[in-house]
Each structure stands twice: as C-alpha cells, then as structure tokens.
Protein backbone atom coordinates (compact mmCIF):
# COMPACT_ATOMS: atom_id res chain seq x y z
CA MET A 1 -153.12 142.42 -8.79
CA ASP A 2 -151.13 145.56 -9.88
CA PHE A 3 -151.23 146.92 -13.22
CA PRO A 4 -147.48 146.84 -14.33
CA MET A 5 -146.88 142.84 -13.39
CA ARG A 6 -149.95 142.52 -15.26
CA ALA A 7 -148.85 144.35 -17.91
CA ILE A 8 -145.26 142.19 -18.14
CA GLU A 9 -147.24 138.87 -17.57
CA CYS A 10 -149.03 139.55 -20.53
CA ILE A 11 -145.49 140.49 -22.21
CA ILE A 12 -143.65 137.38 -21.42
CA TYR A 13 -146.86 135.74 -22.67
CA LEU A 14 -146.75 137.65 -26.03
CA GLY A 15 -142.55 137.45 -26.27
CA MET A 16 -143.13 133.49 -25.63
CA LEU A 17 -145.89 133.38 -28.25
CA VAL A 18 -143.70 135.12 -31.03
CA VAL A 19 -140.64 133.37 -30.52
CA GLY A 20 -142.68 129.85 -30.68
CA LEU A 21 -144.67 130.66 -33.55
CA ILE A 22 -141.14 131.61 -35.50
CA GLY A 23 -138.79 128.39 -34.29
CA ASN A 24 -141.78 125.71 -34.32
CA GLY A 25 -143.18 127.15 -37.60
CA VAL A 26 -139.53 127.07 -39.01
CA LEU A 27 -138.92 123.62 -37.63
CA LEU A 28 -142.42 122.60 -38.86
CA HIS A 29 -141.77 123.68 -42.83
CA ALA A 30 -138.35 122.22 -42.76
CA ALA A 31 -139.31 118.80 -41.47
CA ARG A 32 -142.34 118.19 -43.62
CA GLN A 33 -139.47 118.97 -46.46
CA SER A 34 -137.20 116.54 -45.43
CA MET A 35 -139.63 114.15 -44.75
CA ALA A 36 -139.56 113.65 -48.51
CA ASP A 37 -136.20 111.73 -48.32
CA ARG A 38 -136.34 107.75 -48.09
CA ARG A 39 -134.55 108.18 -44.40
CA ARG A 40 -137.23 110.58 -43.06
CA THR A 41 -137.94 108.88 -39.31
CA SER A 42 -136.11 111.68 -37.11
CA CYS A 43 -137.87 114.54 -39.57
CA MET A 44 -141.05 112.52 -38.72
CA MET A 45 -140.71 112.42 -35.38
CA LEU A 46 -139.73 116.39 -35.46
CA PHE A 47 -142.85 117.26 -37.39
CA PHE A 48 -144.91 115.85 -34.31
CA VAL A 49 -142.99 117.85 -32.16
CA ALA A 50 -143.07 121.38 -33.96
CA ILE A 51 -147.22 120.50 -33.93
CA VAL A 52 -147.62 119.25 -30.29
CA HIS A 53 -145.84 122.92 -29.80
CA LEU A 54 -147.75 125.15 -31.50
CA CYS A 55 -151.07 123.47 -30.81
CA ARG A 56 -149.84 124.78 -27.20
CA ILE A 57 -148.51 128.39 -28.17
CA MET A 58 -151.79 128.52 -30.81
CA VAL A 59 -154.57 127.70 -27.69
CA VAL A 60 -152.84 128.55 -24.24
CA ASN A 61 -150.43 131.20 -24.95
CA ILE A 62 -153.15 133.20 -26.31
CA LEU A 63 -155.82 132.12 -23.78
CA SER A 64 -153.14 132.89 -21.32
CA VAL A 65 -152.82 136.63 -22.62
CA PHE A 66 -156.32 137.28 -22.36
CA TYR A 67 -156.35 135.40 -18.93
CA SER A 68 -153.63 137.94 -17.93
CA VAL A 69 -155.47 141.19 -18.33
CA GLY A 70 -158.78 139.50 -16.92
CA GLY A 71 -160.64 138.03 -20.12
CA VAL A 72 -161.77 134.80 -18.42
CA ILE A 73 -165.21 136.11 -18.93
CA ILE A 74 -164.93 136.65 -22.40
CA PHE A 75 -164.58 132.54 -23.03
CA ASN A 76 -166.82 131.89 -20.24
CA MET A 77 -166.64 127.71 -19.49
CA VAL A 78 -166.15 126.59 -22.42
CA GLY A 79 -162.68 129.10 -22.38
CA CYS A 80 -161.79 127.11 -19.64
CA LYS A 81 -162.34 123.50 -20.34
CA VAL A 82 -160.33 124.03 -23.56
CA PHE A 83 -157.52 125.80 -21.39
CA LYS A 84 -157.04 123.22 -19.07
CA PHE A 85 -157.68 120.49 -21.62
CA THR A 86 -155.00 121.91 -23.60
CA SER A 87 -152.67 122.84 -21.50
CA ALA A 88 -152.32 119.41 -19.57
CA LEU A 89 -152.45 117.46 -23.08
CA THR A 90 -149.63 119.78 -24.75
CA MET A 91 -147.06 119.46 -21.90
CA MET A 92 -147.95 115.62 -21.47
CA LEU A 93 -146.74 114.98 -24.75
CA ALA A 94 -144.35 117.46 -25.48
CA ILE A 95 -142.54 115.47 -22.50
CA TRP A 96 -143.11 112.04 -23.99
CA PHE A 97 -142.00 112.89 -27.76
CA THR A 98 -139.00 114.34 -26.27
CA LEU A 99 -138.31 111.19 -24.88
CA TYR A 100 -138.95 109.52 -27.87
CA VAL A 101 -136.83 111.28 -29.74
CA ALA A 102 -134.19 110.89 -26.50
CA ILE A 103 -134.58 106.86 -26.87
CA PHE A 104 -134.62 106.73 -30.65
CA TYR A 105 -130.97 108.85 -30.65
CA LEU A 106 -129.65 106.59 -27.88
CA ILE A 107 -130.41 103.38 -29.78
CA ARG A 108 -128.82 104.89 -32.85
CA LEU A 109 -125.98 106.09 -30.59
CA ASP A 110 -125.76 102.17 -28.83
CA ARG A 111 -125.45 100.79 -32.39
CA VAL A 112 -122.30 103.21 -32.92
CA VAL A 113 -120.43 102.49 -30.50
CA HIS A 114 -121.35 98.93 -30.59
CA PRO A 115 -122.32 98.24 -34.37
CA LEU A 116 -124.31 94.77 -34.38
CA PRO A 117 -123.90 92.37 -37.57
CA LEU A 118 -127.82 92.41 -38.25
CA SER A 119 -129.46 95.08 -40.52
CA VAL A 120 -131.76 97.89 -39.19
CA PRO A 121 -135.20 96.27 -39.94
CA ARG A 122 -136.81 97.58 -43.03
CA ASN A 123 -140.22 98.85 -41.27
CA GLN A 124 -138.65 101.47 -38.52
CA GLN A 125 -140.58 104.26 -40.19
CA THR A 126 -143.44 102.56 -39.81
CA ASN A 127 -143.20 101.27 -36.33
CA ASN A 128 -142.02 105.06 -35.24
CA PHE A 129 -145.25 106.48 -37.01
CA THR A 130 -147.14 103.55 -34.96
CA GLY A 131 -146.05 104.85 -31.98
CA MET A 132 -146.12 108.44 -32.18
CA LEU A 133 -149.72 108.31 -32.82
CA ILE A 134 -150.01 105.99 -29.57
CA LEU A 135 -148.59 108.20 -27.95
CA TRP A 136 -151.62 111.04 -29.15
CA ALA A 137 -154.35 108.94 -28.54
CA THR A 138 -152.64 108.23 -24.99
CA GLY A 139 -152.60 111.75 -24.20
CA LEU A 140 -155.96 112.13 -25.62
CA ILE A 141 -157.69 109.74 -23.35
CA VAL A 142 -155.72 110.92 -19.89
CA SER A 143 -156.70 114.67 -20.89
CA CYS A 144 -160.22 114.02 -21.52
CA PRO A 145 -161.56 114.03 -18.32
CA LEU A 146 -160.30 117.47 -17.85
CA LEU A 147 -163.31 118.21 -20.05
CA VAL A 148 -165.55 117.19 -17.11
CA PHE A 149 -164.19 118.24 -14.19
CA THR A 150 -163.19 122.22 -15.37
CA ASP A 151 -165.12 125.02 -14.59
CA MET A 152 -165.11 128.65 -14.44
CA SER A 153 -164.45 129.87 -11.04
CA ASN A 154 -166.07 133.16 -9.08
CA ILE A 155 -163.95 135.95 -10.34
CA GLN A 156 -165.38 138.11 -7.51
CA SER A 157 -163.99 136.17 -5.02
CA ASN A 158 -160.22 136.34 -5.30
CA ALA A 159 -159.04 137.90 -2.07
CA THR A 160 -156.87 134.13 -1.42
CA TYR A 161 -154.42 135.15 -3.91
CA PRO A 162 -154.64 138.75 -4.46
CA PHE A 163 -151.10 138.93 -6.96
CA LEU A 164 -152.13 135.74 -8.81
CA SER A 165 -153.72 136.28 -12.29
CA GLN A 166 -156.74 134.78 -13.95
CA VAL A 167 -154.37 132.51 -15.75
CA TYR A 168 -154.50 130.17 -12.22
CA THR A 169 -157.60 131.90 -10.70
CA GLY A 170 -160.38 132.21 -13.26
CA CYS A 171 -160.75 128.12 -14.27
CA ASN A 172 -161.09 125.62 -11.22
CA VAL A 173 -161.57 121.47 -11.63
CA ASN A 174 -163.24 120.53 -9.53
CA TYR A 175 -163.18 116.67 -9.22
CA GLY A 176 -166.38 116.06 -6.66
CA SER A 177 -164.32 113.83 -4.67
CA SER A 178 -161.32 113.76 -2.73
CA ILE A 179 -160.99 109.91 -4.34
CA VAL A 180 -161.27 111.75 -7.51
CA TYR A 181 -158.54 113.91 -6.85
CA ARG A 182 -156.02 111.63 -5.34
CA ILE A 183 -156.33 108.95 -7.76
CA TYR A 184 -156.58 111.06 -11.30
CA GLY A 185 -155.87 115.09 -10.38
CA LEU A 186 -152.92 113.69 -8.27
CA ALA A 187 -151.59 110.01 -9.21
CA ILE A 188 -151.96 109.96 -12.64
CA LEU A 189 -152.06 113.65 -13.87
CA THR A 190 -148.17 113.63 -11.83
CA SER A 191 -147.08 110.96 -13.08
CA VAL A 192 -147.41 110.69 -16.83
CA ASP A 193 -145.24 113.98 -16.63
CA ALA A 194 -142.99 112.88 -13.47
CA VAL A 195 -142.42 109.62 -14.69
CA PRO A 196 -140.95 110.47 -18.54
CA LEU A 197 -138.96 112.80 -17.19
CA VAL A 198 -137.32 110.24 -14.79
CA ALA A 199 -136.73 108.07 -17.64
CA LEU A 200 -135.42 110.93 -19.64
CA LEU A 201 -132.74 111.68 -17.36
CA LEU A 202 -131.80 108.28 -17.15
CA VAL A 203 -131.54 108.10 -20.72
CA SER A 204 -129.25 111.18 -21.04
CA ILE A 205 -127.49 109.03 -18.21
CA ARG A 206 -127.08 106.52 -20.49
CA ILE A 207 -125.52 108.75 -23.52
CA VAL A 208 -122.90 110.43 -21.76
CA LEU A 209 -121.70 107.02 -20.85
CA LEU A 210 -121.77 105.92 -24.36
CA LEU A 211 -120.26 108.90 -25.37
CA ARG A 212 -117.50 108.83 -22.64
CA GLU A 213 -117.30 105.09 -23.80
CA ARG A 214 -116.61 106.00 -27.87
CA GLN A 215 -114.24 108.74 -26.75
CA THR A 216 -111.55 106.38 -24.77
CA ALA A 217 -112.31 103.68 -27.16
CA PRO A 218 -109.09 103.11 -29.17
CA PHE A 219 -109.50 102.42 -32.90
CA GLY A 220 -109.42 99.04 -33.74
CA GLY A 221 -111.40 98.27 -30.70
CA ILE A 222 -115.26 98.52 -30.18
CA TRP A 223 -115.39 101.00 -33.08
CA MET A 224 -112.80 101.76 -36.14
CA GLY A 225 -113.00 105.25 -37.52
CA GLU A 226 -116.00 106.97 -38.27
CA ASP A 227 -118.20 108.54 -40.95
CA ALA A 228 -120.62 111.32 -41.56
CA ILE A 229 -123.93 109.47 -40.41
CA GLU A 230 -121.80 108.65 -37.34
CA ARG A 231 -120.92 111.91 -36.57
CA GLU A 232 -124.32 113.56 -37.44
CA ILE A 233 -125.72 110.52 -34.46
CA VAL A 234 -122.82 111.67 -31.94
CA TYR A 235 -123.70 115.01 -32.69
CA ALA A 236 -127.79 114.80 -32.22
CA SER A 237 -127.47 112.85 -29.52
CA LYS A 238 -125.11 115.45 -27.29
CA LEU A 239 -127.91 117.86 -28.12
CA ILE A 240 -130.51 115.59 -26.29
CA LEU A 241 -129.12 116.70 -23.72
CA PRO A 242 -129.35 120.36 -22.99
CA LEU A 243 -132.98 119.38 -23.76
CA THR A 244 -133.19 117.06 -21.24
CA VAL A 245 -131.92 120.02 -18.63
CA LEU A 246 -134.17 122.63 -19.85
CA LEU A 247 -136.99 120.54 -20.19
CA THR A 248 -136.81 118.92 -16.54
CA SER A 249 -135.36 122.20 -14.97
CA LEU A 250 -138.75 124.35 -16.33
CA TRP A 251 -141.02 121.67 -15.21
CA VAL A 252 -139.45 121.04 -12.03
CA SER A 253 -139.76 124.94 -11.09
CA HIS A 254 -143.43 125.21 -12.51
CA PHE A 255 -144.90 122.27 -10.68
CA THR A 256 -142.72 122.96 -7.05
CA LEU A 257 -144.00 126.58 -7.26
CA LEU A 258 -147.65 125.89 -7.90
CA GLU A 259 -147.11 123.25 -4.95
CA VAL A 260 -146.10 125.92 -2.57
CA VAL A 261 -148.18 128.56 -4.11
CA ASP A 262 -149.97 129.16 -0.87
CA GLU A 263 -146.48 130.86 0.76
CA LEU A 264 -145.82 132.69 -2.35
CA ALA A 265 -149.01 134.14 -3.12
CA SER A 266 -148.30 137.42 -2.00
CA TYR A 267 -144.90 138.11 -3.76
CA SER A 268 -146.37 140.38 -7.26
CA PHE A 269 -143.55 138.46 -9.11
CA LEU A 270 -144.86 135.62 -9.32
CA PRO A 271 -147.79 135.64 -12.02
CA ALA A 272 -144.51 136.17 -14.47
CA LEU A 273 -142.17 133.95 -13.11
CA LEU A 274 -144.97 131.01 -13.69
CA ALA A 275 -145.62 132.78 -17.07
CA ALA A 276 -142.00 132.14 -18.00
CA LEU A 277 -141.52 128.91 -17.02
CA SER A 278 -144.74 127.28 -18.59
CA SER A 279 -144.01 128.75 -22.08
CA ALA A 280 -140.22 128.58 -22.29
CA TYR A 281 -139.71 124.84 -23.28
CA SER A 282 -142.13 124.90 -26.43
CA ALA A 283 -140.62 128.95 -27.43
CA PHE A 284 -137.45 127.86 -26.78
CA SER A 285 -136.58 123.79 -27.85
CA PRO A 286 -137.72 124.40 -31.39
CA TYR A 287 -134.41 125.83 -32.08
CA ILE A 288 -132.86 123.18 -30.08
CA PHE A 289 -134.78 120.71 -32.25
CA LEU A 290 -133.52 122.40 -35.69
CA ALA A 291 -130.35 121.80 -34.97
CA ILE A 292 -130.75 117.88 -34.03
CA ASN A 293 -131.21 116.65 -37.94
CA TYR A 294 -129.16 117.57 -40.56
CA LYS A 295 -131.64 116.96 -43.13
CA VAL A 296 -133.44 119.66 -41.31
CA ARG A 297 -130.33 121.80 -41.15
CA GLU A 298 -129.94 121.65 -44.85
CA CYS A 299 -133.71 122.83 -45.32
CA LEU A 300 -132.63 125.69 -43.22
CA LYS A 301 -129.96 126.51 -44.78
CA SER A 302 -131.54 126.03 -47.98
CA LEU A 303 -134.76 128.55 -47.17
CA CYS A 304 -132.09 131.40 -45.64
CA PHE A 305 -129.43 131.39 -48.67
CA PRO A 306 -131.26 130.28 -51.74
CA PRO A 307 -128.71 128.70 -54.12
CA GLN A 308 -127.86 130.38 -56.95
CA SER A 309 -128.69 128.91 -60.61
CA GLN A 310 -125.56 128.02 -62.83
CA SER A 311 -125.53 128.19 -66.41
CA TRP A 312 -122.92 125.66 -66.73
CA ILE A 313 -121.61 122.61 -64.98
CA ASP A 314 -118.25 121.91 -64.29
CA VAL A 315 -117.98 118.05 -65.22
CA SER A 316 -114.82 117.72 -63.39
CA ALA A 317 -116.24 118.31 -59.77
CA ILE A 318 -118.44 116.05 -60.36
CA SER A 319 -117.62 112.54 -58.67
CA PRO A 320 -119.23 109.23 -58.93
CA TYR A 321 -120.05 109.04 -55.48
CA HIS A 322 -122.33 112.51 -55.70
CA PHE A 323 -125.28 110.38 -56.29
C-alpha cells in the first residue's frame, strides 16, 4: 500500500475519532444531566448509545490508526483479539440500540395517533433499563467467540491484497473448520446485524405511515389538536428516518465491499473508503441523537449559552402553570 493512500486512511480514522469524541462526549454529558428528571427513559437510552459509540471510537478507531500505518506488531495478538471483538460488539450494539430507540418512539407515536384509554405503566423506566442490559449481555455472549478465533496474521505475506492496509490483513479470524465458519462466522454474525436492520426499515416504514395518517386525520377524528409533548414525539419520530438511512446505507455498503474485496483489492482507494464507511455512523449519528430528546437539547443549550443570573424577578411574568 503506497504512502499517500495510507496517510489518507489514517487521516480519515483520526478525523472520525475527533468528530465522534466531540459528538458522543456532548451526548453522554447531556443525557446524564437530563436523567435527573423523572421522565428520563429516552435520556437513558441515549446515554447507552453514547457509551457504545465511545467504546468503538476509543478502541476500534485508535487501533485502526496504528494498523493503518503498519503497527499491528505493536499490540501483537492481544491487540488483534481486542480489535475484532470490540469491532463486532460495538457495531452490533449500535444497530440494536438504534432499533430500540426507533421502537420506543414508534410506540409513543402510535399512542399519539391512536390514543389509548389506559394509562402508561409506571414501571416503564425499569423495563427499558432491563431491556438495554439484556442487549448488552447478548452482544457480549455473541461476540466472545471472536476472542478465541482471532489471531495475528503473517504481515510479511500480503501479496494477495497489496493495496489493503493492516486494518484488514493484520488480524485473521481462524474458525478451525468450515462448519464453524458457516454457523458462527457467516450465519450468526451476519444475521445479528442484518435482521435488526430489516426490522429497523420496517419500523421506519411504520413511522412514515403513522406520520402520514396523523397529517391527513381531521380534527375531531383520530386526534384533536396537539400539545408540546405530542410535537416532541412527532419531531423525534421524524429524526429516526435519517438515522435509518444513515445506518443502513453505511452497513450495506461496507458489508458489500468486504464481500467483493477480491475483485476490488487492486484499487488503492479501497482502504480509505472502508475506513469512512466503518467509522461514519459512530461519528455522525450522535449529532442526530442530540436533537431527538428535548431535555437533551435544553441541556445542550444551557451548556452553550449559560443563563444569566438575575437579581430581581418579575412577579407578573410568573405563570401558575410554570411549575
């Protein structure tokens, strides 16, 4: 791999690292601050999303920077195992948590369009927290075999893919047998990403249909008017759509290129393109997640524009509904 393309690949990983650290750091802080309120379910989900993205950025991106300049030997086999494990785990959890957030707002949007006479269960916060922990545990269980199967390849023999960097050639996953590869490496690892993505597409289609139904519904029919909470739910549901497009397009493009890498290995731009596709979601999606929850937006606004202290209060401006 020639030096200019290696430098471009390294710059892409570094750029995504900086952009992702800023976005996810702000999202993590704003979500944690907003969780002090009683209605903090969505903030808790955004908090978990930020943790997953930060784990990917701090481990996968940093190791990719070293690997892109030929530094696989620095971390040896341990680095390869951590790289493959974290890469699979964080991508898996990023897809699952995005789907979880999408389903959460789909349910709330459906209640806006089709109001239920029954009240919302009070243990919703505990149920969502338990669900997020189950996703974490499942992701760890599915990804753990990679710690066993991964080892460091022979760096010197890279004649098969001369233009690929050590990000993709420095570490190999040796399953030992074709049966293990078909069951785990092909069926399980692909389905745990692809099936939730299909579900995310279906959820997004349902959101579009609900938004259209709400827009065409007459007053006095399915719903009458709207309040601030309903507007926030509709606004957040609309933001699920660009998240779906971003995540699906990046994953499908990256997966497709890796499947046809034999035919494209001679193109020098391939490592830089793969670097952008593999890192873009963790770097850019936090800025969309920041806009989803109004409490997070208010916290972000207070961070950027601290309120000015006032020595007097206009009593006439106080509303009895303020508190």
